Amino acid sequence: MISVRLATLGAGQGSIKKIVASLRGATDEKDVDKIAAKYDLYNDYPETFMATEMKLSDAIHEEVSEDVKKYKLVLSIPFTTEKNRKDKIDELKFHFALKNIKIDKLTPVKVAEIGSGVLDYQVVAFINTTMSRNELEHELEPEYKINKMQRLTSTQTDTEEDAD
C-alpha cells in the first residue's frame, strides 16, 4: 500500500525501495517523521492525502487477516525404528514449525512392528494452517506419506476434543 501511494505521488522505483526499507526500520512516530522529512514527503503530501486512507504509520503495521484452515492428518513416518521414534516426532514438529503449520494435537500410533525394531509408525495430527489442501500435500509428501487428510470446521474440532 505504501509503495502504491508513493508511486501516485511521483516517486521513482529506486526511491520507493529506499523509503520502504527505511520505514521497515521505523519503531515509532518520531522515526516516521524523520523519514518523511528526509525524503521531502511533507511539502504537499497532506493535501493529497484523502480522508479514507490510513495514516502512514498505520499502513506500516497493517495486519492482513488470512484464512486459517484446520485439518486432521494421518501421516506415516518412514524409516522409523524403536530407537529413533522420538527423534522422528521432534523432526516432524520442526518441519511443521518451518512451514508455519501450528499443531493443535499430535498423537503417535505404533501400528505394527516389522522385523527387528522397524516400526510401521503413524501420527494423527490436528493442525492449523493457511495453506490449501494441495499446498499442504505438496509440502508434506516428500518427507511423509499422507494416509488421510480431512478438513475440519471449528465445530468438528471442538466435538473431537470433547470426546477425548
C-alpha atoms as a PDB file:
ATOM      1  CA  MET A   1       0.000   0.000   0.000  1.00  0.00           C
ATOM      2  CA  ILE A   2       2.845   2.366   0.826  1.00  0.00           C
ATOM      3  CA  SER A   3       4.555   1.649  -2.496  1.00  0.00           C
ATOM      4  CA  VAL A   4       1.387   2.394  -4.441  1.00  0.00           C
ATOM      5  CA  ARG A   5       0.829   5.645  -2.535  1.00  0.00           C
ATOM      6  CA  LEU A   6       4.412   6.785  -3.149  1.00  0.00           C
ATOM      7  CA  ALA A   7       4.087   5.919  -6.837  1.00  0.00           C
ATOM      8  CA  THR A   8       0.933   8.068  -7.114  1.00  0.00           C
ATOM      9  CA  LEU A   9       2.945  10.932  -5.646  1.00  0.00           C
ATOM     10  CA  GLY A  10       5.500  10.513  -8.431  1.00  0.00           C
ATOM     11  CA  ALA A  11       8.298   8.714  -6.593  1.00  0.00           C
ATOM     12  CA  GLY A  12      10.568   6.571  -8.747  1.00  0.00           C
ATOM     13  CA  GLN A  13      11.139   2.862  -8.223  1.00  0.00           C
ATOM     14  CA  GLY A  14      14.572   3.385  -6.622  1.00  0.00           C
ATOM     15  CA  SER A  15      13.348   5.962  -4.135  1.00  0.00           C
ATOM     16  CA  ILE A  16      10.268   3.848  -3.319  1.00  0.00           C
ATOM     17  CA  LYS A  17      12.546   0.944  -2.363  1.00  0.00           C
ATOM     18  CA  LYS A  18      14.697   3.233  -0.192  1.00  0.00           C
ATOM     19  CA  ILE A  19      11.686   4.766   1.560  1.00  0.00           C
ATOM     20  CA  VAL A  20      10.013   1.404   2.210  1.00  0.00           C
ATOM     21  CA  ALA A  21      13.295  -0.035   3.525  1.00  0.00           C
ATOM     22  CA  SER A  22      13.657   2.953   5.854  1.00  0.00           C
ATOM     23  CA  LEU A  23      10.053   2.614   7.047  1.00  0.00           C
ATOM     24  CA  ARG A  24      10.530  -1.064   7.919  1.00  0.00           C
ATOM     25  CA  GLY A  25      13.201   0.001  10.390  1.00  0.00           C
ATOM     26  CA  ALA A  26      10.997   2.667  11.993  1.00  0.00           C
ATOM     27  CA  THR A  27       9.974   1.905  15.560  1.00  0.00           C
ATOM     28  CA  ASP A  28       7.845   4.912  16.486  1.00  0.00           C
ATOM     29  CA  GLU A  29       6.146   8.039  15.130  1.00  0.00           C
ATOM     30  CA  LYS A  30       9.323  10.089  15.550  1.00  0.00           C
ATOM     31  CA  ASP A  31      11.226   7.766  13.186  1.00  0.00           C
ATOM     32  CA  VAL A  32       8.425   8.039  10.620  1.00  0.00           C
ATOM     33  CA  ASP A  33       8.567  11.848  10.866  1.00  0.00           C
ATOM     34  CA  LYS A  34      12.345  11.792  10.296  1.00  0.00           C
ATOM     35  CA  ILE A  35      11.898   9.608   7.209  1.00  0.00           C
ATOM     36  CA  ALA A  36       9.138  11.862   5.862  1.00  0.00           C
ATOM     37  CA  ALA A  37      11.391  14.906   6.319  1.00  0.00           C
ATOM     38  CA  LYS A  38      14.400  13.163   4.767  1.00  0.00           C
ATOM     39  CA  TYR A  39      12.501  12.215   1.612  1.00  0.00           C
ATOM     40  CA  ASP A  40      10.547  15.503   1.494  1.00  0.00           C
ATOM     41  CA  LEU A  41       7.143  13.901   1.963  1.00  0.00           C
ATOM     42  CA  TYR A  42       5.792  16.856   3.952  1.00  0.00           C
ATOM     43  CA  ASN A  43       5.545  19.504   1.212  1.00  0.00           C
ATOM     44  CA  ASP A  44       2.152  18.913  -0.390  1.00  0.00           C
ATOM     45  CA  TYR A  45       1.714  15.374   0.880  1.00  0.00           C
ATOM     46  CA  PRO A  46      -1.023  16.223   3.450  1.00  0.00           C
ATOM     47  CA  GLU A  47      -3.124  17.986   0.796  1.00  0.00           C
ATOM     48  CA  THR A  48      -3.030  14.907  -1.450  1.00  0.00           C
ATOM     49  CA  PHE A  49      -3.980  12.581   1.402  1.00  0.00           C
ATOM     50  CA  MET A  50      -7.651  11.526   1.331  1.00  0.00           C
ATOM     51  CA  ALA A  51      -9.643  11.041   4.500  1.00  0.00           C
ATOM     52  CA  THR A  52     -10.415   7.432   3.577  1.00  0.00           C
ATOM     53  CA  GLU A  53      -6.751   6.451   3.508  1.00  0.00           C
ATOM     54  CA  MET A  54      -4.933   5.307   6.623  1.00  0.00           C
ATOM     55  CA  LYS A  55      -2.029   7.131   8.214  1.00  0.00           C
ATOM     56  CA  LEU A  56       1.437   6.210   7.015  1.00  0.00           C
ATOM     57  CA  SER A  57       2.377   4.798  10.424  1.00  0.00           C
ATOM     58  CA  ASP A  58      -0.779   2.628  10.467  1.00  0.00           C
ATOM     59  CA  ALA A  59      -0.034   1.296   6.992  1.00  0.00           C
ATOM     60  CA  ILE A  60       3.354   0.040   8.191  1.00  0.00           C
ATOM     61  CA  HIS A  61       1.809  -2.037  10.967  1.00  0.00           C
ATOM     62  CA  GLU A  62      -1.245  -3.141   8.987  1.00  0.00           C
ATOM     63  CA  GLU A  63      -2.059  -6.804   9.516  1.00  0.00           C
ATOM     64  CA  VAL A  64      -3.609  -8.852   6.765  1.00  0.00           C
ATOM     65  CA  SER A  65      -6.046 -11.441   8.031  1.00  0.00           C
ATOM     66  CA  GLU A  66      -5.572 -14.850   6.477  1.00  0.00           C
ATOM     67  CA  ASP A  67      -7.994 -17.730   6.342  1.00  0.00           C
ATOM     68  CA  VAL A  68      -6.754 -20.352   8.795  1.00  0.00           C
ATOM     69  CA  LYS A  69      -7.851 -23.871   7.924  1.00  0.00           C
ATOM     70  CA  LYS A  70      -7.978 -26.817  10.308  1.00  0.00           C
ATOM     71  CA  TYR A  71      -7.044 -30.317   9.192  1.00  0.00           C
ATOM     72  CA  LYS A  72      -6.882 -33.785  10.672  1.00  0.00           C
ATOM     73  CA  LEU A  73      -3.959 -35.698   9.164  1.00  0.00           C
ATOM     74  CA  VAL A  74      -2.826 -39.284   9.466  1.00  0.00           C
ATOM     75  CA  LEU A  75       0.823 -39.395   8.406  1.00  0.00           C
ATOM     76  CA  SER A  76       3.147 -42.354   8.021  1.00  0.00           C
ATOM     77  CA  ILE A  77       6.683 -41.597   9.110  1.00  0.00           C
ATOM     78  CA  PRO A  78       9.113 -43.676   7.030  1.00  0.00           C
ATOM     79  CA  PHE A  79      12.299 -45.339   8.301  1.00  0.00           C
ATOM     80  CA  THR A  80      11.198 -45.327  11.929  1.00  0.00           C
ATOM     81  CA  THR A  81      12.760 -47.701  14.424  1.00  0.00           C
ATOM     82  CA  GLU A  82      12.197 -48.204  18.119  1.00  0.00           C
ATOM     83  CA  LYS A  83      15.356 -46.190  18.831  1.00  0.00           C
ATOM     84  CA  ASN A  84      14.638 -43.131  16.676  1.00  0.00           C
ATOM     85  CA  ARG A  85      10.862 -42.682  17.001  1.00  0.00           C
ATOM     86  CA  LYS A  86      11.155 -39.729  19.448  1.00  0.00           C
ATOM     87  CA  ASP A  87      13.632 -38.087  17.075  1.00  0.00           C
ATOM     88  CA  LYS A  88      11.204 -38.595  14.181  1.00  0.00           C
ATOM     89  CA  ILE A  89       8.398 -36.873  16.137  1.00  0.00           C
ATOM     90  CA  ASP A  90      10.717 -33.972  17.001  1.00  0.00           C
ATOM     91  CA  GLU A  91      11.719 -33.735  13.332  1.00  0.00           C
ATOM     92  CA  LEU A  92       8.044 -33.650  12.306  1.00  0.00           C
ATOM     93  CA  LYS A  93       7.358 -30.817  14.780  1.00  0.00           C
ATOM     94  CA  PHE A  94      10.390 -28.963  13.430  1.00  0.00           C
ATOM     95  CA  HIS A  95       9.212 -29.344   9.799  1.00  0.00           C
ATOM     96  CA  PHE A  96       5.748 -28.098  10.768  1.00  0.00           C
ATOM     97  CA  ALA A  97       7.270 -25.071  12.504  1.00  0.00           C
ATOM     98  CA  LEU A  98       9.409 -24.268   9.437  1.00  0.00           C
ATOM     99  CA  LYS A  99       6.372 -24.438   7.182  1.00  0.00           C
ATOM    100  CA  ASN A 100       4.260 -22.257   9.508  1.00  0.00           C
ATOM    101  CA  ILE A 101       1.903 -25.078  10.487  1.00  0.00           C
ATOM    102  CA  LYS A 102       0.539 -24.890  14.031  1.00  0.00           C
ATOM    103  CA  ILE A 103      -0.021 -28.218  15.783  1.00  0.00           C
ATOM    104  CA  ASP A 104      -3.117 -28.426  17.990  1.00  0.00           C
ATOM    105  CA  LYS A 105      -2.732 -32.076  18.925  1.00  0.00           C
ATOM    106  CA  LEU A 106      -0.254 -34.778  17.941  1.00  0.00           C
ATOM    107  CA  THR A 107      -0.836 -38.463  18.722  1.00  0.00           C
ATOM    108  CA  PRO A 108       1.799 -41.026  17.693  1.00  0.00           C
ATOM    109  CA  VAL A 109       0.471 -44.509  16.840  1.00  0.00           C
ATOM    110  CA  LYS A 110       2.610 -47.644  16.642  1.00  0.00           C
ATOM    111  CA  VAL A 111       0.685 -49.619  14.020  1.00  0.00           C
ATOM    112  CA  ALA A 112       2.926 -52.689  13.734  1.00  0.00           C
ATOM    113  CA  GLU A 113       6.442 -53.880  14.336  1.00  0.00           C
ATOM    114  CA  ILE A 114       8.108 -55.259  11.251  1.00  0.00           C
ATOM    115  CA  GLY A 115      11.208 -57.372  11.762  1.00  0.00           C
ATOM    116  CA  SER A 116      13.785 -56.319  14.325  1.00  0.00           C
ATOM    117  CA  GLY A 117      12.739 -52.960  15.740  1.00  0.00           C
ATOM    118  CA  VAL A 118      11.438 -51.413  12.490  1.00  0.00           C
ATOM    119  CA  LEU A 119       8.029 -49.849  13.000  1.00  0.00           C
ATOM    120  CA  ASP A 120       5.060 -49.031  10.853  1.00  0.00           C
ATOM    121  CA  TYR A 121       4.702 -45.691  12.635  1.00  0.00           C
ATOM    122  CA  GLN A 122       1.918 -43.184  12.074  1.00  0.00           C
ATOM    123  CA  VAL A 123       0.925 -39.871  13.611  1.00  0.00           C
ATOM    124  CA  VAL A 124      -2.554 -38.399  13.954  1.00  0.00           C
ATOM    125  CA  ALA A 125      -2.167 -34.617  13.842  1.00  0.00           C
ATOM    126  CA  PHE A 126      -4.718 -31.846  14.249  1.00  0.00           C
ATOM    127  CA  ILE A 127      -3.190 -28.759  12.620  1.00  0.00           C
ATOM    128  CA  ASN A 128      -3.973 -25.139  11.711  1.00  0.00           C
ATOM    129  CA  THR A 129      -2.508 -23.600   8.574  1.00  0.00           C
ATOM    130  CA  THR A 130      -3.203 -21.010   5.904  1.00  0.00           C
ATOM    131  CA  MET A 131      -2.206 -23.488   3.189  1.00  0.00           C
ATOM    132  CA  SER A 132      -4.715 -25.085   0.881  1.00  0.00           C
ATOM    133  CA  ARG A 133      -5.099 -28.849   0.706  1.00  0.00           C
ATOM    134  CA  ASN A 134      -2.901 -29.072  -2.414  1.00  0.00           C
ATOM    135  CA  GLU A 135      -0.187 -26.863  -0.908  1.00  0.00           C
ATOM    136  CA  LEU A 136      -0.192 -28.964   2.243  1.00  0.00           C
ATOM    137  CA  GLU A 137       0.143 -32.191   0.239  1.00  0.00           C
ATOM    138  CA  HIS A 138       2.968 -30.649  -1.776  1.00  0.00           C
ATOM    139  CA  GLU A 139       4.834 -29.578   1.385  1.00  0.00           C
ATOM    140  CA  LEU A 140       4.450 -32.850   3.299  1.00  0.00           C
ATOM    141  CA  GLU A 141       4.624 -35.570   0.635  1.00  0.00           C
ATOM    142  CA  PRO A 142       8.382 -35.701   0.093  1.00  0.00           C
ATOM    143  CA  GLU A 143       9.117 -36.472   3.771  1.00  0.00           C
ATOM    144  CA  TYR A 144       5.869 -38.092   4.936  1.00  0.00           C
ATOM    145  CA  LYS A 145       3.145 -40.245   3.399  1.00  0.00           C
ATOM    146  CA  ILE A 146      -0.326 -38.796   3.897  1.00  0.00           C
ATOM    147  CA  ASN A 147      -2.712 -41.659   4.640  1.00  0.00           C
ATOM    148  CA  LYS A 148      -5.706 -39.459   5.410  1.00  0.00           C
ATOM    149  CA  MET A 149      -6.441 -35.742   5.256  1.00  0.00           C
ATOM    150  CA  GLN A 150      -9.708 -34.239   6.412  1.00  0.00           C
ATOM    151  CA  ARG A 151     -10.558 -30.560   6.580  1.00  0.00           C
ATOM    152  CA  LEU A 152     -12.328 -29.736   9.828  1.00  0.00           C
ATOM    153  CA  THR A 153     -14.689 -26.969  10.758  1.00  0.00           C
ATOM    154  CA  SER A 154     -14.389 -25.323  14.167  1.00  0.00           C
ATOM    155  CA  THR A 155     -17.385 -27.299  15.495  1.00  0.00           C
ATOM    156  CA  GLN A 156     -15.853 -30.641  14.429  1.00  0.00           C
ATOM    157  CA  THR A 157     -12.612 -29.819  16.240  1.00  0.00           C
ATOM    158  CA  ASP A 158     -14.461 -28.879  19.447  1.00  0.00           C
ATOM    159  CA  THR A 159     -16.552 -32.074  19.325  1.00  0.00           C
ATOM    160  CA  GLU A 160     -13.479 -34.298  18.795  1.00  0.00           C
ATOM    161  CA  GLU A 161     -11.656 -32.663  21.715  1.00  0.00           C
ATOM    162  CA  ASP A 162     -14.685 -33.157  23.987  1.00  0.00           C
ATOM    163  CA  ALA A 163     -14.831 -36.858  23.061  1.00  0.00           C
ATOM    164  CA  ASP A 164     -11.196 -37.376  24.129  1.00  0.00           C
END
